[in-house]
Protein backbone atom coordinates (compact mmCIF):
# COMPACT_ATOMS: atom_id res chain seq x y z
CA MET A 1 -18.69 -7.16 16.40
CA LYS A 2 -15.67 -7.04 14.11
CA LEU A 3 -13.01 -4.49 15.02
CA GLU A 4 -10.84 -2.96 12.30
CA LEU A 5 -7.36 -1.92 13.39
CA LYS A 6 -6.33 1.39 11.87
CA ILE A 7 -2.75 2.53 12.25
CA LYS A 8 -1.21 5.77 11.00
CA VAL A 9 2.56 6.21 10.95
CA LYS A 10 4.27 9.56 10.44
CA CYS A 11 7.99 9.35 9.69
CA ILE A 12 10.10 12.51 9.54
CA GLY A 13 13.74 12.97 8.58
CA ILE A 14 14.59 9.39 7.54
CA ARG A 15 16.47 8.21 4.44
CA GLU A 16 14.87 4.77 4.47
CA ILE A 17 11.72 3.26 5.95
CA PRO A 18 12.58 1.47 9.20
CA PRO A 19 12.31 -2.32 8.76
CA PHE A 20 9.97 -2.65 11.74
CA ILE A 21 7.26 -0.82 9.81
CA ILE A 22 7.24 -3.55 7.19
CA ARG A 23 7.78 -6.50 9.53
CA HIS A 24 5.33 -5.60 12.28
CA GLN A 25 2.71 -3.40 10.64
CA ALA A 26 0.78 -5.84 8.46
CA HIS A 27 -2.42 -3.95 9.31
CA LEU A 28 -1.01 -0.50 8.52
CA ILE A 29 -3.71 1.68 6.99
CA GLU A 30 -1.93 5.00 6.43
CA LEU A 31 1.77 5.69 5.88
CA ASP A 32 2.69 9.39 5.92
CA LEU A 33 6.23 10.13 4.75
CA SER A 34 5.50 13.66 3.53
CA ASP A 35 7.83 16.65 3.97
CA ASN A 36 10.85 14.39 4.28
CA GLY A 37 13.83 16.00 2.58
CA LYS A 38 16.07 12.99 3.24
CA LEU A 39 14.01 10.11 1.88
CA VAL A 40 15.58 8.84 -1.35
CA ALA A 41 13.77 5.54 -1.97
CA LEU A 42 11.03 3.19 -0.85
CA PRO A 43 11.92 -0.47 -0.23
CA SER A 44 10.52 -3.17 -2.49
CA SER A 45 9.09 -4.80 0.65
CA ILE A 46 6.49 -2.01 0.84
CA GLY A 47 4.38 -4.25 -1.37
CA MET A 48 3.83 -6.44 1.71
CA LEU A 49 1.63 -3.76 3.31
CA LYS A 50 -1.52 -5.28 1.84
CA GLY A 51 -3.86 -3.28 4.07
CA LEU A 52 -2.39 0.11 3.16
CA VAL A 53 -5.07 2.58 2.07
CA THR A 54 -3.13 5.87 1.98
CA LEU A 55 0.50 6.49 1.02
CA ASP A 56 1.77 10.08 1.18
CA VAL A 57 5.28 10.86 -0.05
CA SER A 58 4.53 14.46 -1.07
CA PHE A 59 7.30 17.04 -0.68
CA CYS A 60 9.95 14.30 -0.45
CA SER A 61 12.22 16.35 -2.68
CA LYS A 62 14.91 13.66 -3.12
CA LEU A 63 12.58 10.76 -3.88
CA GLY A 64 13.24 9.79 -7.49
CA SER A 65 11.29 6.59 -8.02
CA LEU A 66 8.66 4.18 -6.75
CA PRO A 67 9.36 0.44 -6.64
CA GLU A 68 7.54 -1.89 -9.02
CA GLU A 69 6.09 -3.59 -5.96
CA ILE A 70 3.88 -0.53 -5.44
CA GLY A 71 1.42 -2.33 -7.67
CA ASP A 72 0.97 -5.00 -4.97
CA LEU A 73 -0.82 -2.52 -2.67
CA GLU A 74 -4.19 -3.87 -3.72
CA ASN A 75 -6.20 -1.81 -1.20
CA LEU A 76 -4.51 1.53 -1.86
CA VAL A 77 -7.03 4.34 -2.35
CA LYS A 78 -4.81 7.44 -2.24
CA LEU A 79 -1.26 7.93 -3.49
CA ASP A 80 0.18 11.43 -3.19
CA ALA A 81 3.63 11.84 -4.75
CA SER A 82 3.43 15.60 -5.34
CA TYR A 83 6.65 17.63 -5.37
CA THR A 84 9.05 14.72 -5.70
CA GLN A 85 11.50 13.79 -8.47
CA ILE A 86 9.52 10.83 -9.82
CA SER A 87 9.57 11.32 -13.58
CA GLN A 88 8.50 7.79 -14.55
CA PRO A 89 5.98 5.99 -12.34
CA PRO A 90 6.40 2.20 -12.52
CA SER A 91 4.17 0.35 -14.97
CA SER A 92 2.75 -1.66 -12.05
CA ILE A 93 0.91 1.43 -10.83
CA VAL A 94 -1.92 0.66 -13.25
CA ARG A 95 -2.69 -2.48 -11.22
CA LEU A 96 -4.00 -0.31 -8.37
CA ASN A 97 -7.64 -0.82 -9.22
CA ASN A 98 -8.94 0.55 -5.91
CA LEU A 99 -7.00 3.80 -6.30
CA ILE A 100 -9.23 6.88 -6.35
CA PHE A 101 -6.71 9.74 -6.01
CA LEU A 102 -3.28 9.93 -7.68
CA SER A 103 -1.03 12.99 -7.75
CA PHE A 104 2.43 13.76 -9.09
CA GLU A 105 1.85 17.52 -9.11
CA GLY A 106 4.78 19.93 -9.18
CA LEU A 107 7.62 17.52 -9.87
CA CYS A 108 11.10 18.81 -9.03
CA LEU A 109 12.72 17.73 -12.29
CA GLU A 110 16.06 18.75 -13.75
CA ASP A 111 16.34 20.61 -17.06
CA GLY A 112 15.70 18.28 -19.98
CA GLU A 113 13.88 15.71 -17.82
CA TYR A 114 10.25 15.00 -18.67
CA PHE A 115 7.41 13.13 -17.02
CA VAL A 116 6.07 9.99 -18.68
CA PHE A 117 2.94 8.22 -17.46
CA PRO A 118 2.76 4.47 -18.19
CA ARG A 119 0.25 2.90 -20.52
CA VAL A 120 -3.06 2.45 -18.76
CA ASN A 121 -3.96 -0.94 -20.26
CA GLU A 122 -7.50 -0.67 -18.85
CA GLY A 123 -6.11 -0.52 -15.30
CA LEU A 124 -6.77 2.07 -12.59
CA ARG A 125 -10.45 1.29 -12.97
CA SER A 126 -11.54 3.26 -9.85
CA LEU A 127 -9.38 6.36 -10.38
CA LYS A 128 -11.44 9.55 -10.09
CA ILE A 129 -8.78 12.27 -9.67
CA LEU A 130 -5.49 12.37 -11.58
CA ASN A 131 -3.31 15.38 -10.77
CA LEU A 132 -0.42 15.94 -13.18
CA ASN A 133 -0.18 19.73 -12.84
CA PHE A 134 3.29 21.19 -13.50
CA CYS A 135 4.89 17.82 -14.25
CA ASN A 136 6.91 18.96 -17.28
CA ILE A 137 4.87 16.83 -19.67
CA ILE A 138 5.51 17.15 -23.40
CA ASP A 139 3.86 15.39 -26.34
CA GLY A 140 3.94 11.65 -25.68
CA GLY A 141 4.11 12.04 -21.92
CA LEU A 142 0.48 11.04 -21.59
CA PRO A 143 -0.39 7.57 -22.88
CA GLU A 144 -2.55 7.29 -25.97
CA ASP A 145 -4.85 4.96 -24.04
CA ILE A 146 -5.63 7.46 -21.26
CA GLY A 147 -9.23 7.16 -22.40
CA CYS A 148 -9.35 3.79 -20.62
CA LEU A 149 -9.69 5.58 -17.25
CA SER A 150 -13.41 4.98 -17.22
CA SER A 151 -14.08 6.41 -13.72
CA LEU A 152 -11.98 9.58 -14.06
CA LYS A 153 -13.86 12.74 -13.06
CA GLU A 154 -11.03 15.29 -12.70
CA LEU A 155 -7.94 15.55 -14.89
CA HIS A 156 -5.38 18.17 -13.85
CA LEU A 157 -2.88 19.02 -16.60
CA SER A 158 -2.11 22.68 -15.88
CA GLY A 159 1.38 24.07 -16.37
CA ASN A 160 2.65 21.48 -18.85
CA ASP A 161 4.47 21.83 -22.19
CA PHE A 162 2.56 19.56 -24.58
CA GLU A 163 1.18 20.86 -27.86
CA HIS A 164 -1.43 18.14 -28.32
CA LEU A 165 -3.58 15.94 -26.09
CA ALA A 166 -4.27 12.28 -26.69
CA GLY A 167 -7.38 11.84 -28.82
CA SER A 168 -8.64 9.10 -26.51
CA ILE A 169 -9.55 11.79 -23.94
CA ALA A 170 -12.84 11.86 -25.80
CA GLN A 171 -13.49 8.37 -24.37
CA LEU A 172 -13.36 9.57 -20.74
CA GLY A 173 -17.08 9.19 -20.26
CA ALA A 174 -17.08 10.16 -16.57
CA LEU A 175 -14.84 13.24 -16.97
CA GLN A 176 -16.45 16.39 -15.58
CA THR A 177 -13.53 18.80 -15.04
CA LEU A 178 -10.36 19.41 -17.06
CA TYR A 179 -7.59 21.77 -15.94
CA LEU A 180 -5.43 23.30 -18.69
CA THR A 181 -4.28 26.64 -17.25
CA TYR A 182 -0.73 27.75 -18.08
CA CYS A 183 -0.45 25.26 -20.94
CA GLU A 184 1.13 27.91 -23.14
CA ARG A 185 2.37 25.64 -25.95
CA ILE A 186 -0.89 23.88 -26.66
CA THR A 187 -2.04 24.33 -30.26
CA GLN A 188 -4.70 21.70 -30.74
CA LEU A 189 -7.41 20.06 -28.63
CA PRO A 190 -9.15 16.75 -29.27
CA GLU A 191 -12.85 16.16 -29.09
CA PHE A 192 -14.07 16.26 -25.51
CA PRO A 193 -16.31 13.82 -23.64
CA GLU A 194 -20.01 14.55 -23.89
CA HIS A 195 -20.49 15.05 -20.15
CA LEU A 196 -17.49 17.35 -19.59
CA LYS A 197 -18.83 20.35 -17.66
CA THR A 198 -15.85 22.62 -16.97
CA ILE A 199 -12.51 23.43 -18.60
CA PHE A 200 -10.17 25.67 -16.62
CA ALA A 201 -7.92 27.54 -19.04
CA ASN A 202 -6.44 31.01 -19.46
CA TRP A 203 -6.10 31.51 -23.19
CA SER A 204 -6.39 35.28 -23.59
CA SER A 205 -5.88 35.57 -27.35
CA ASP A 206 -9.02 35.37 -29.51
CA LEU A 207 -6.91 33.96 -32.35
CA ILE A 208 -5.63 31.11 -30.16
CA CYS A 209 -9.08 30.36 -28.78
CA ASN A 210 -10.59 30.25 -32.26
CA SER A 211 -7.86 27.93 -33.54
CA LEU A 212 -8.30 25.61 -30.57
CA PHE A 213 -12.07 25.34 -30.67
């Protein structure tokens, strides 16, 4: 019988990941760095954690970036970077083709700083949930090729400042739920996927609703 070693590490109150985690935890499955107000960066060597399935850096309020080597985490299934300062995820993130859940919700960005998601380039083939609520996204912040996310079932875009959505959203054939509450500047919607079941929105004006639909 084959035994699978599963290791979870919770690190609190550190500015940097201790080197021993990288050197001696080749079989690390889950790395929980959440709620760490001191963490400012992840080392490039994190890409060596080939067995990592879950990476949680949520509520790391000083974390401003992810290293390009994040794309080397070939077995990563969940990446939660909610409530950080990461305004531009590295382009390598689209290589995470086993990733199912990705969140940058509620970014702590400075005035005049906007979130930009990289071009998808037919990557992220397994992604089912993308949470970009309250990320200070304006027009152009979502890639025009977002329609390449062929497995996406939930797209969370509430609380953003864009006026238009990428037309390729119509190509999201697996999309079932779209969140657009508190998107007060939106003036135009694209065609939606045929199998989309639910749109969460709070447009109260009949005039706005009629112009949108």
